[in-house]
Each structure stands twice: as structure tokens, then as C-alpha cells.
Amino acid sequence: MIRFQTTHGDFTVELFDKDAPISVENFLRYVDDGHFDGTIFHRIVPGFVIQGGGLTPDFSAKKTRAPIANEATNGLQNKRGTLSMARTNDVNSATSQFFVNLSDNAFLDHTKGQYGYAVFGRVSEGLDVVDAIARVRTGTRKQYQDAPLEDALIVSVRRVNAT
């Protein structure tokens, strides 16, 4: 289990290490390194996703490790409250950025003809906090569209024991 402490409250995430071992191991390395501390949710699209894990409040990109293999073929679906690895158009380009699905986004799932986005976890507590982040006013900041006009800061991300 992972606990996100944000400026909008805390939420807990259950990781799917059996279904997405590469993504979970990658994510946990970033957690253990403190990579996410002090980053922001830099992309907020109500009814779709909140995305974070790679940019500081001044929209500077944090240094990342090499990209990982995409595990979108694991059968998990981009349902409301799930976490998935963000990537570019290159299927195997995910590094530290992730998103939380705000609704069921089946069009992000792996299908014939579209590789999809790898689901690797689910918000198990505090989905109301995720929804609060999704309500932050957005606009364009530093060339980023759908950016929060007030920082949606990730204060810290830590491992916690399951309750």
C-alpha cells in the first residue's frame, strides 16, 4: 500500500504487483527514492484523469530512470480510481509519470490495434481527495494545457502497511 499526502488531503493506493510487476517495481523505486515528493499533478482533466509524477511546481521535469516495458496486456482495465502508467506515443516510454482515472476510460485499455496504458494500482481510500484535485481550476501554464492554476502538490508518497 502507498500513501499519497497532498495539499488537498491524503489517499491510499493498493498496488497490483502480481498483474503489473514491472510497473509496480518501477513505481516503488521512485517512491523509495523520494522522487514524487514535491511534485505536482500537472495535468487535470475533470471526468478523465489527474496526472503527475514528473514535474515540480515550476513545471521543471525531474530526472527519471530508463523507460519500462508496457504491461497493458495484463487484462486490468482503466476503471475509475485505477492508476496507470503515463507514456508518450512510444508504447514502451513510461518512466515516473502516472495518472489516476476519474471515470471508466475503456478507450485507454489494451485492444487489438491499440496497445493501451498499463494499470498497476487502485485508490483504496481517499477517492474524494482525488476528486477534490480534479476540481482545481485549470488553464495553460508554462506551455502545459489542462494545468492546475493553483498547485496540486504531492507532499510525499510513502509505503504503508495494509490495514
N, C-alpha and C. Protein backbone atom coordinates (compact mmCIF):
# COMPACT_ATOMS: atom_id res chain seq x y z
N MET A 1 0.84 -1.18 0.00
CA MET A 1 0.00 0.00 0.00
C MET A 1 0.89 1.25 0.00
N ILE A 2 0.39 2.26 -0.66
CA ILE A 2 1.11 3.52 -0.78
C ILE A 2 0.20 4.64 -0.29
N ARG A 3 0.76 5.57 0.48
CA ARG A 3 0.00 6.72 0.96
C ARG A 3 0.53 7.98 0.29
N PHE A 4 -0.36 8.68 -0.42
CA PHE A 4 -0.06 9.98 -1.00
C PHE A 4 -0.52 11.05 -0.02
N GLN A 5 0.38 11.94 0.34
CA GLN A 5 0.00 13.11 1.12
C GLN A 5 0.04 14.28 0.15
N THR A 6 -1.10 14.95 -0.02
CA THR A 6 -1.17 16.07 -0.97
C THR A 6 -1.70 17.30 -0.25
N THR A 7 -1.63 18.42 -0.91
CA THR A 7 -2.18 19.65 -0.35
C THR A 7 -3.70 19.64 -0.32
N HIS A 8 -4.31 18.63 -0.89
CA HIS A 8 -5.77 18.50 -0.89
C HIS A 8 -6.24 17.37 0.01
N GLY A 9 -5.32 16.71 0.70
CA GLY A 9 -5.65 15.58 1.57
C GLY A 9 -4.83 14.36 1.18
N ASP A 10 -5.10 13.27 1.86
CA ASP A 10 -4.35 12.03 1.65
C ASP A 10 -5.21 10.99 0.95
N PHE A 11 -4.55 10.14 0.18
CA PHE A 11 -5.23 8.96 -0.37
C PHE A 11 -4.27 7.79 -0.38
N THR A 12 -4.84 6.59 -0.33
CA THR A 12 -4.07 5.36 -0.26
C THR A 12 -4.29 4.56 -1.53
N VAL A 13 -3.21 3.92 -1.98
CA VAL A 13 -3.24 3.14 -3.21
C VAL A 13 -2.79 1.71 -2.95
N GLU A 14 -3.57 0.78 -3.45
CA GLU A 14 -3.20 -0.64 -3.45
C GLU A 14 -2.52 -0.92 -4.78
N LEU A 15 -1.35 -1.57 -4.74
CA LEU A 15 -0.61 -1.87 -5.96
C LEU A 15 -0.86 -3.31 -6.40
N PHE A 16 -0.92 -3.53 -7.69
CA PHE A 16 -1.19 -4.85 -8.27
C PHE A 16 0.12 -5.49 -8.72
N ASP A 17 0.95 -5.90 -7.76
CA ASP A 17 2.28 -6.41 -8.09
C ASP A 17 2.25 -7.73 -8.86
N LYS A 18 1.22 -8.51 -8.70
CA LYS A 18 1.14 -9.78 -9.45
C LYS A 18 0.77 -9.54 -10.91
N ASP A 19 -0.10 -8.58 -11.16
CA ASP A 19 -0.57 -8.30 -12.52
C ASP A 19 0.35 -7.37 -13.30
N ALA A 20 1.05 -6.49 -12.58
CA ALA A 20 1.90 -5.48 -13.24
C ALA A 20 3.24 -5.37 -12.50
N PRO A 21 4.00 -6.48 -12.46
CA PRO A 21 5.23 -6.47 -11.65
C PRO A 21 6.27 -5.45 -12.09
N ILE A 22 6.41 -5.22 -13.37
CA ILE A 22 7.40 -4.26 -13.86
C ILE A 22 7.00 -2.84 -13.46
N SER A 23 5.73 -2.51 -13.68
CA SER A 23 5.24 -1.16 -13.35
C SER A 23 5.31 -0.91 -11.85
N VAL A 24 4.90 -1.91 -11.04
CA VAL A 24 4.91 -1.74 -9.59
C VAL A 24 6.35 -1.60 -9.08
N GLU A 25 7.25 -2.44 -9.55
CA GLU A 25 8.64 -2.33 -9.11
C GLU A 25 9.21 -0.95 -9.47
N ASN A 26 8.94 -0.49 -10.67
CA ASN A 26 9.39 0.82 -11.12
C ASN A 26 8.81 1.92 -10.23
N PHE A 27 7.51 1.86 -9.98
CA PHE A 27 6.84 2.88 -9.16
C PHE A 27 7.42 2.89 -7.75
N LEU A 28 7.62 1.71 -7.17
CA LEU A 28 8.15 1.63 -5.81
C LEU A 28 9.58 2.16 -5.72
N ARG A 29 10.36 1.97 -6.75
CA ARG A 29 11.72 2.55 -6.74
C ARG A 29 11.64 4.07 -6.69
N TYR A 30 10.72 4.65 -7.45
CA TYR A 30 10.54 6.11 -7.39
C TYR A 30 10.03 6.54 -6.01
N VAL A 31 9.11 5.76 -5.44
CA VAL A 31 8.61 6.07 -4.09
C VAL A 31 9.76 6.05 -3.09
N ASP A 32 10.52 4.96 -3.09
CA ASP A 32 11.61 4.80 -2.13
C ASP A 32 12.71 5.84 -2.30
N ASP A 33 12.89 6.34 -3.51
CA ASP A 33 13.89 7.38 -3.78
C ASP A 33 13.38 8.78 -3.41
N GLY A 34 12.09 8.90 -3.04
CA GLY A 34 11.52 10.21 -2.73
C GLY A 34 11.26 11.06 -3.96
N HIS A 35 11.25 10.43 -5.12
CA HIS A 35 11.10 11.14 -6.39
C HIS A 35 9.81 11.97 -6.46
N PHE A 36 8.72 11.44 -5.94
CA PHE A 36 7.43 12.11 -6.07
C PHE A 36 7.24 13.26 -5.09
N ASP A 37 8.03 13.28 -4.02
CA ASP A 37 7.89 14.33 -3.01
C ASP A 37 8.15 15.70 -3.64
N GLY A 38 7.19 16.61 -3.47
CA GLY A 38 7.36 17.95 -4.01
C GLY A 38 7.02 18.10 -5.48
N THR A 39 6.46 17.06 -6.08
CA THR A 39 5.98 17.18 -7.47
C THR A 39 4.52 17.60 -7.45
N ILE A 40 3.98 17.84 -8.61
CA ILE A 40 2.58 18.27 -8.71
C ILE A 40 1.79 17.35 -9.64
N PHE A 41 0.47 17.40 -9.47
CA PHE A 41 -0.41 16.86 -10.51
C PHE A 41 -0.46 17.98 -11.55
N HIS A 42 0.23 17.79 -12.66
CA HIS A 42 0.40 18.85 -13.64
C HIS A 42 -0.65 18.84 -14.75
N ARG A 43 -1.43 17.79 -14.82
CA ARG A 43 -2.48 17.68 -15.84
C ARG A 43 -3.75 17.23 -15.14
N ILE A 44 -4.79 18.05 -15.25
CA ILE A 44 -6.06 17.76 -14.60
C ILE A 44 -7.17 17.93 -15.64
N VAL A 45 -7.84 16.82 -15.95
CA VAL A 45 -8.94 16.86 -16.91
C VAL A 45 -10.16 16.26 -16.22
N PRO A 46 -11.06 17.11 -15.70
CA PRO A 46 -12.24 16.59 -14.99
C PRO A 46 -12.99 15.54 -15.82
N GLY A 47 -13.40 14.48 -15.15
CA GLY A 47 -14.11 13.41 -15.82
C GLY A 47 -13.20 12.47 -16.59
N PHE A 48 -11.90 12.73 -16.58
CA PHE A 48 -10.95 11.89 -17.32
C PHE A 48 -9.82 11.43 -16.39
N VAL A 49 -8.80 12.26 -16.15
CA VAL A 49 -7.66 11.86 -15.33
C VAL A 49 -7.05 13.04 -14.59
N ILE A 50 -6.29 12.70 -13.53
CA ILE A 50 -5.30 13.61 -12.98
C ILE A 50 -3.96 12.92 -13.19
N GLN A 51 -2.96 13.67 -13.65
CA GLN A 51 -1.66 13.09 -14.00
C GLN A 51 -0.56 13.80 -13.23
N GLY A 52 0.39 13.02 -12.74
CA GLY A 52 1.52 13.59 -12.02
C GLY A 52 2.71 12.67 -12.07
N GLY A 53 3.69 13.00 -11.20
CA GLY A 53 4.84 12.14 -11.04
C GLY A 53 6.10 12.57 -11.73
N GLY A 54 6.09 13.73 -12.40
CA GLY A 54 7.30 14.07 -13.13
C GLY A 54 7.70 15.53 -13.13
N LEU A 55 6.81 16.43 -12.66
CA LEU A 55 7.11 17.86 -12.75
C LEU A 55 7.04 18.52 -11.38
N THR A 56 7.92 19.51 -11.18
CA THR A 56 7.93 20.31 -9.96
C THR A 56 6.94 21.47 -10.13
N PRO A 57 6.66 22.23 -9.05
CA PRO A 57 5.71 23.33 -9.16
C PRO A 57 6.07 24.39 -10.22
N ASP A 58 7.34 24.51 -10.56
CA ASP A 58 7.71 25.45 -11.63
C ASP A 58 7.69 24.78 -13.02
N PHE A 59 7.13 23.56 -13.06
CA PHE A 59 6.96 22.78 -14.29
C PHE A 59 8.29 22.33 -14.89
N SER A 60 9.30 22.19 -14.03
CA SER A 60 10.55 21.58 -14.46
C SER A 60 10.41 20.08 -14.38
N ALA A 61 10.92 19.39 -15.38
CA ALA A 61 10.87 17.93 -15.39
C ALA A 61 11.95 17.36 -14.47
N LYS A 62 11.56 16.38 -13.66
CA LYS A 62 12.52 15.70 -12.80
C LYS A 62 13.24 14.62 -13.61
N LYS A 63 14.48 14.37 -13.25
CA LYS A 63 15.26 13.33 -13.91
C LYS A 63 14.63 11.97 -13.61
N THR A 64 14.58 11.12 -14.62
CA THR A 64 13.97 9.80 -14.46
C THR A 64 14.96 8.71 -14.87
N ARG A 65 14.60 7.50 -14.53
CA ARG A 65 15.36 6.34 -14.98
C ARG A 65 14.88 5.97 -16.39
N ALA A 66 15.47 4.93 -16.93
CA ALA A 66 15.12 4.47 -18.28
C ALA A 66 13.65 4.03 -18.32
N PRO A 67 13.01 4.15 -19.47
CA PRO A 67 11.63 3.71 -19.63
C PRO A 67 11.48 2.20 -19.39
N ILE A 68 10.26 1.82 -19.05
CA ILE A 68 9.94 0.41 -18.77
C ILE A 68 9.05 -0.17 -19.86
N ALA A 69 8.96 -1.49 -19.87
CA ALA A 69 8.06 -2.19 -20.80
C ALA A 69 6.61 -1.95 -20.39
N ASN A 70 5.77 -1.78 -21.36
CA ASN A 70 4.34 -1.54 -21.14
C ASN A 70 3.63 -2.86 -20.82
N GLU A 71 2.92 -2.89 -19.70
CA GLU A 71 2.20 -4.09 -19.27
C GLU A 71 0.69 -3.98 -19.50
N ALA A 72 0.28 -3.21 -20.49
CA ALA A 72 -1.15 -3.01 -20.75
C ALA A 72 -1.87 -4.30 -21.15
N THR A 73 -1.12 -5.34 -21.48
CA THR A 73 -1.75 -6.62 -21.85
C THR A 73 -2.10 -7.46 -20.62
N ASN A 74 -1.99 -6.89 -19.42
CA ASN A 74 -2.24 -7.65 -18.19
C ASN A 74 -3.72 -7.90 -17.89
N GLY A 75 -4.61 -7.37 -18.70
CA GLY A 75 -6.04 -7.63 -18.52
C GLY A 75 -6.73 -6.66 -17.58
N LEU A 76 -5.98 -5.81 -16.88
CA LEU A 76 -6.61 -4.82 -15.98
C LEU A 76 -7.15 -3.67 -16.81
N GLN A 77 -8.26 -3.12 -16.34
CA GLN A 77 -8.94 -2.07 -17.10
C GLN A 77 -8.79 -0.71 -16.43
N ASN A 78 -8.79 0.32 -17.27
CA ASN A 78 -8.71 1.70 -16.80
C ASN A 78 -10.07 2.14 -16.28
N LYS A 79 -10.39 1.68 -15.08
CA LYS A 79 -11.66 1.99 -14.41
C LYS A 79 -11.45 3.16 -13.45
N ARG A 80 -12.54 3.78 -13.05
CA ARG A 80 -12.47 4.89 -12.08
C ARG A 80 -11.65 4.48 -10.85
N GLY A 81 -10.69 5.30 -10.49
CA GLY A 81 -9.88 5.06 -9.31
C GLY A 81 -8.63 4.25 -9.54
N THR A 82 -8.43 3.73 -10.75
CA THR A 82 -7.20 2.96 -11.01
C THR A 82 -6.07 3.91 -11.39
N LEU A 83 -4.84 3.45 -11.14
CA LEU A 83 -3.64 4.17 -11.55
C LEU A 83 -3.02 3.45 -12.73
N SER A 84 -2.57 4.23 -13.70
CA SER A 84 -1.92 3.69 -14.89
C SER A 84 -0.66 4.47 -15.16
N MET A 85 0.25 3.83 -15.87
CA MET A 85 1.49 4.49 -16.27
C MET A 85 1.21 5.42 -17.45
N ALA A 86 1.67 6.66 -17.34
CA ALA A 86 1.58 7.61 -18.45
C ALA A 86 2.75 7.33 -19.39
N ARG A 87 2.54 7.63 -20.65
CA ARG A 87 3.59 7.41 -21.64
C ARG A 87 3.37 8.34 -22.82
N THR A 88 4.33 8.37 -23.72
CA THR A 88 4.19 9.12 -24.97
C THR A 88 3.56 8.18 -26.00
N ASN A 89 3.62 8.54 -27.26
CA ASN A 89 3.12 7.65 -28.31
C ASN A 89 3.95 6.39 -28.45
N ASP A 90 5.17 6.40 -27.92
CA ASP A 90 6.01 5.21 -27.88
C ASP A 90 5.44 4.30 -26.80
N VAL A 91 5.01 3.12 -27.18
CA VAL A 91 4.35 2.18 -26.27
C VAL A 91 5.17 1.90 -25.02
N ASN A 92 6.49 1.80 -25.16
CA ASN A 92 7.36 1.46 -24.04
C ASN A 92 8.15 2.67 -23.54
N SER A 93 7.46 3.79 -23.29
CA SER A 93 8.14 5.02 -22.90
C SER A 93 7.85 5.47 -21.46
N ALA A 94 7.08 4.70 -20.70
CA ALA A 94 6.72 5.12 -19.34
C ALA A 94 7.94 5.17 -18.43
N THR A 95 8.01 6.24 -17.63
CA THR A 95 9.08 6.37 -16.64
C THR A 95 8.45 6.58 -15.27
N SER A 96 8.33 7.83 -14.84
CA SER A 96 7.79 8.09 -13.49
C SER A 96 6.36 8.61 -13.50
N GLN A 97 5.90 9.13 -14.61
CA GLN A 97 4.57 9.73 -14.62
C GLN A 97 3.47 8.68 -14.65
N PHE A 98 2.39 9.00 -13.93
CA PHE A 98 1.24 8.11 -13.80
C PHE A 98 -0.02 8.97 -13.83
N PHE A 99 -1.15 8.32 -13.98
CA PHE A 99 -2.41 9.04 -13.88
C PHE A 99 -3.41 8.22 -13.09
N VAL A 100 -4.37 8.93 -12.49
CA VAL A 100 -5.49 8.31 -11.80
C VAL A 100 -6.71 8.54 -12.68
N ASN A 101 -7.40 7.46 -13.03
CA ASN A 101 -8.61 7.56 -13.84
C ASN A 101 -9.75 8.11 -12.99
N LEU A 102 -10.40 9.16 -13.49
CA LEU A 102 -11.53 9.77 -12.78
C LEU A 102 -12.85 9.14 -13.18
N SER A 103 -12.85 8.38 -14.26
CA SER A 103 -14.03 7.65 -14.72
C SER A 103 -13.56 6.39 -15.41
N ASP A 104 -14.48 5.56 -15.84
CA ASP A 104 -14.12 4.36 -16.60
C ASP A 104 -13.67 4.82 -17.98
N ASN A 105 -12.40 4.56 -18.30
CA ASN A 105 -11.81 5.01 -19.56
C ASN A 105 -11.40 3.80 -20.40
N ALA A 106 -12.41 3.06 -20.86
CA ALA A 106 -12.15 1.83 -21.61
C ALA A 106 -11.30 2.08 -22.86
N PHE A 107 -11.38 3.27 -23.43
CA PHE A 107 -10.61 3.56 -24.64
C PHE A 107 -9.11 3.61 -24.37
N LEU A 108 -8.69 3.58 -23.08
CA LEU A 108 -7.27 3.53 -22.73
C LEU A 108 -6.79 2.09 -22.52
N ASP A 109 -7.71 1.14 -22.56
CA ASP A 109 -7.34 -0.27 -22.35
C ASP A 109 -6.68 -0.85 -23.60
N HIS A 110 -5.94 -1.93 -23.39
CA HIS A 110 -5.32 -2.64 -24.50
C HIS A 110 -6.41 -3.34 -25.32
N THR A 111 -6.37 -3.11 -26.62
CA THR A 111 -7.27 -3.79 -27.55
C THR A 111 -6.48 -4.11 -28.81
N LYS A 112 -7.06 -4.92 -29.64
CA LYS A 112 -6.42 -5.18 -30.94
C LYS A 112 -6.33 -3.85 -31.69
N GLY A 113 -5.14 -3.49 -32.08
CA GLY A 113 -4.96 -2.24 -32.79
C GLY A 113 -4.56 -1.06 -31.92
N GLN A 114 -4.68 -1.20 -30.59
CA GLN A 114 -4.24 -0.14 -29.68
C GLN A 114 -3.62 -0.77 -28.45
N TYR A 115 -2.37 -0.45 -28.19
CA TYR A 115 -1.67 -1.12 -27.10
C TYR A 115 -2.23 -0.77 -25.73
N GLY A 116 -2.59 0.45 -25.48
CA GLY A 116 -3.20 0.83 -24.22
C GLY A 116 -2.20 1.31 -23.17
N TYR A 117 -2.74 1.56 -21.98
CA TYR A 117 -2.00 2.11 -20.85
C TYR A 117 -2.08 1.12 -19.70
N ALA A 118 -0.94 0.81 -19.10
CA ALA A 118 -0.84 -0.24 -18.08
C ALA A 118 -1.39 0.20 -16.73
N VAL A 119 -2.45 -0.47 -16.30
CA VAL A 119 -3.00 -0.27 -14.96
C VAL A 119 -2.10 -1.03 -13.98
N PHE A 120 -1.73 -0.38 -12.87
CA PHE A 120 -0.86 -1.03 -11.89
C PHE A 120 -1.31 -0.85 -10.45
N GLY A 121 -2.42 -0.14 -10.23
CA GLY A 121 -2.90 0.07 -8.87
C GLY A 121 -4.30 0.64 -8.85
N ARG A 122 -4.80 0.82 -7.60
CA ARG A 122 -6.16 1.35 -7.43
C ARG A 122 -6.21 2.15 -6.13
N VAL A 123 -6.90 3.28 -6.16
CA VAL A 123 -7.12 4.07 -4.95
C VAL A 123 -8.06 3.25 -4.06
N SER A 124 -7.58 2.89 -2.88
CA SER A 124 -8.38 2.07 -1.98
C SER A 124 -9.04 2.91 -0.89
N GLU A 125 -8.54 4.11 -0.67
CA GLU A 125 -9.08 5.02 0.33
C GLU A 125 -8.75 6.44 -0.09
N GLY A 126 -9.74 7.33 0.01
CA GLY A 126 -9.49 8.74 -0.29
C GLY A 126 -9.80 9.16 -1.71
N LEU A 127 -10.69 8.43 -2.38
CA LEU A 127 -11.05 8.83 -3.74
C LEU A 127 -11.67 10.23 -3.76
N ASP A 128 -12.26 10.65 -2.63
CA ASP A 128 -12.79 12.01 -2.53
C ASP A 128 -11.67 13.05 -2.65
N VAL A 129 -10.46 12.72 -2.20
CA VAL A 129 -9.32 13.61 -2.34
C VAL A 129 -8.93 13.73 -3.81
N VAL A 130 -8.91 12.61 -4.51
CA VAL A 130 -8.63 12.62 -5.95
C VAL A 130 -9.67 13.49 -6.66
N ASP A 131 -10.93 13.34 -6.27
CA ASP A 131 -11.99 14.16 -6.88
C ASP A 131 -11.80 15.64 -6.56
N ALA A 132 -11.32 15.96 -5.36
CA ALA A 132 -11.05 17.36 -5.00
C ALA A 132 -9.95 17.93 -5.88
N ILE A 133 -8.92 17.16 -6.13
CA ILE A 133 -7.83 17.60 -7.02
C ILE A 133 -8.39 17.84 -8.42
N ALA A 134 -9.31 16.98 -8.84
CA ALA A 134 -9.89 17.11 -10.18
C ALA A 134 -10.73 18.38 -10.33
N ARG A 135 -11.13 18.99 -9.21
CA ARG A 135 -11.94 20.21 -9.26
C ARG A 135 -11.10 21.49 -9.28
N VAL A 136 -9.78 21.38 -9.20
CA VAL A 136 -8.92 22.56 -9.25
C VAL A 136 -9.07 23.22 -10.62
N ARG A 137 -9.19 24.56 -10.62
CA ARG A 137 -9.29 25.28 -11.89
C ARG A 137 -8.03 25.06 -12.72
N THR A 138 -8.22 24.91 -14.03
CA THR A 138 -7.09 24.64 -14.92
C THR A 138 -7.00 25.67 -16.03
N GLY A 139 -5.87 25.68 -16.67
CA GLY A 139 -5.61 26.56 -17.80
C GLY A 139 -4.27 26.19 -18.39
N THR A 140 -3.61 27.15 -19.02
CA THR A 140 -2.30 26.90 -19.60
C THR A 140 -1.24 27.54 -18.71
N ARG A 141 -0.24 26.74 -18.34
CA ARG A 141 0.91 27.21 -17.56
C ARG A 141 2.17 26.63 -18.18
N LYS A 142 3.14 27.49 -18.45
CA LYS A 142 4.43 27.05 -18.99
C LYS A 142 4.26 26.10 -20.17
N GLN A 143 3.39 26.43 -21.08
CA GLN A 143 3.15 25.63 -22.29
C GLN A 143 2.34 24.35 -22.04
N TYR A 144 1.94 24.10 -20.81
CA TYR A 144 1.16 22.90 -20.49
C TYR A 144 -0.32 23.27 -20.45
N GLN A 145 -1.12 22.54 -21.23
CA GLN A 145 -2.56 22.73 -21.20
C GLN A 145 -3.14 21.83 -20.12
N ASP A 146 -4.35 22.14 -19.65
CA ASP A 146 -5.02 21.38 -18.59
C ASP A 146 -4.18 21.36 -17.32
N ALA A 147 -3.40 22.43 -17.10
CA ALA A 147 -2.56 22.54 -15.92
C ALA A 147 -3.33 23.22 -14.80
N PRO A 148 -3.09 22.83 -13.55
CA PRO A 148 -3.76 23.48 -12.44
C PRO A 148 -3.31 24.93 -12.31
N LEU A 149 -4.24 25.84 -12.07
CA LEU A 149 -3.89 27.24 -11.88
C LEU A 149 -3.43 27.50 -10.45
N GLU A 150 -3.70 26.56 -9.55
CA GLU A 150 -3.09 26.56 -8.21
C GLU A 150 -2.45 25.19 -8.07
N ASP A 151 -1.29 25.14 -7.43
CA ASP A 151 -0.57 23.87 -7.35
C ASP A 151 -1.36 22.79 -6.63
N ALA A 152 -1.42 21.62 -7.24
CA ALA A 152 -1.96 20.41 -6.62
C ALA A 152 -0.72 19.59 -6.26
N LEU A 153 -0.14 19.92 -5.10
CA LEU A 153 1.17 19.41 -4.71
C LEU A 153 1.10 18.02 -4.07
N ILE A 154 2.03 17.17 -4.49
CA ILE A 154 2.25 15.89 -3.82
C ILE A 154 3.34 16.16 -2.78
N VAL A 155 2.94 16.20 -1.53
CA VAL A 155 3.88 16.49 -0.45
C VAL A 155 4.83 15.31 -0.25
N SER A 156 4.25 14.12 -0.16
CA SER A 156 5.07 12.92 -0.01
C SER A 156 4.30 11.69 -0.48
N VAL A 157 5.05 10.65 -0.83
CA VAL A 157 4.48 9.35 -1.18
C VAL A 157 5.33 8.32 -0.44
N ARG A 158 4.67 7.50 0.38
CA ARG A 158 5.38 6.53 1.21
C ARG A 158 4.67 5.19 1.20
N ARG A 159 5.45 4.13 1.45
CA ARG A 159 4.87 2.82 1.68
C ARG A 159 4.22 2.82 3.05
N VAL A 160 3.08 2.16 3.17
CA VAL A 160 2.41 1.98 4.46
C VAL A 160 1.95 0.53 4.57
N ASN A 161 1.76 0.06 5.77
CA ASN A 161 1.25 -1.30 5.98
C ASN A 161 -0.24 -1.34 5.68
N ALA A 162 -0.68 -2.43 5.09
CA ALA A 162 -2.11 -2.61 4.83
C ALA A 162 -2.84 -2.75 6.16
N THR A 163 -4.05 -2.20 6.22
CA THR A 163 -4.84 -2.29 7.46
C THR A 163 -5.92 -3.32 7.35
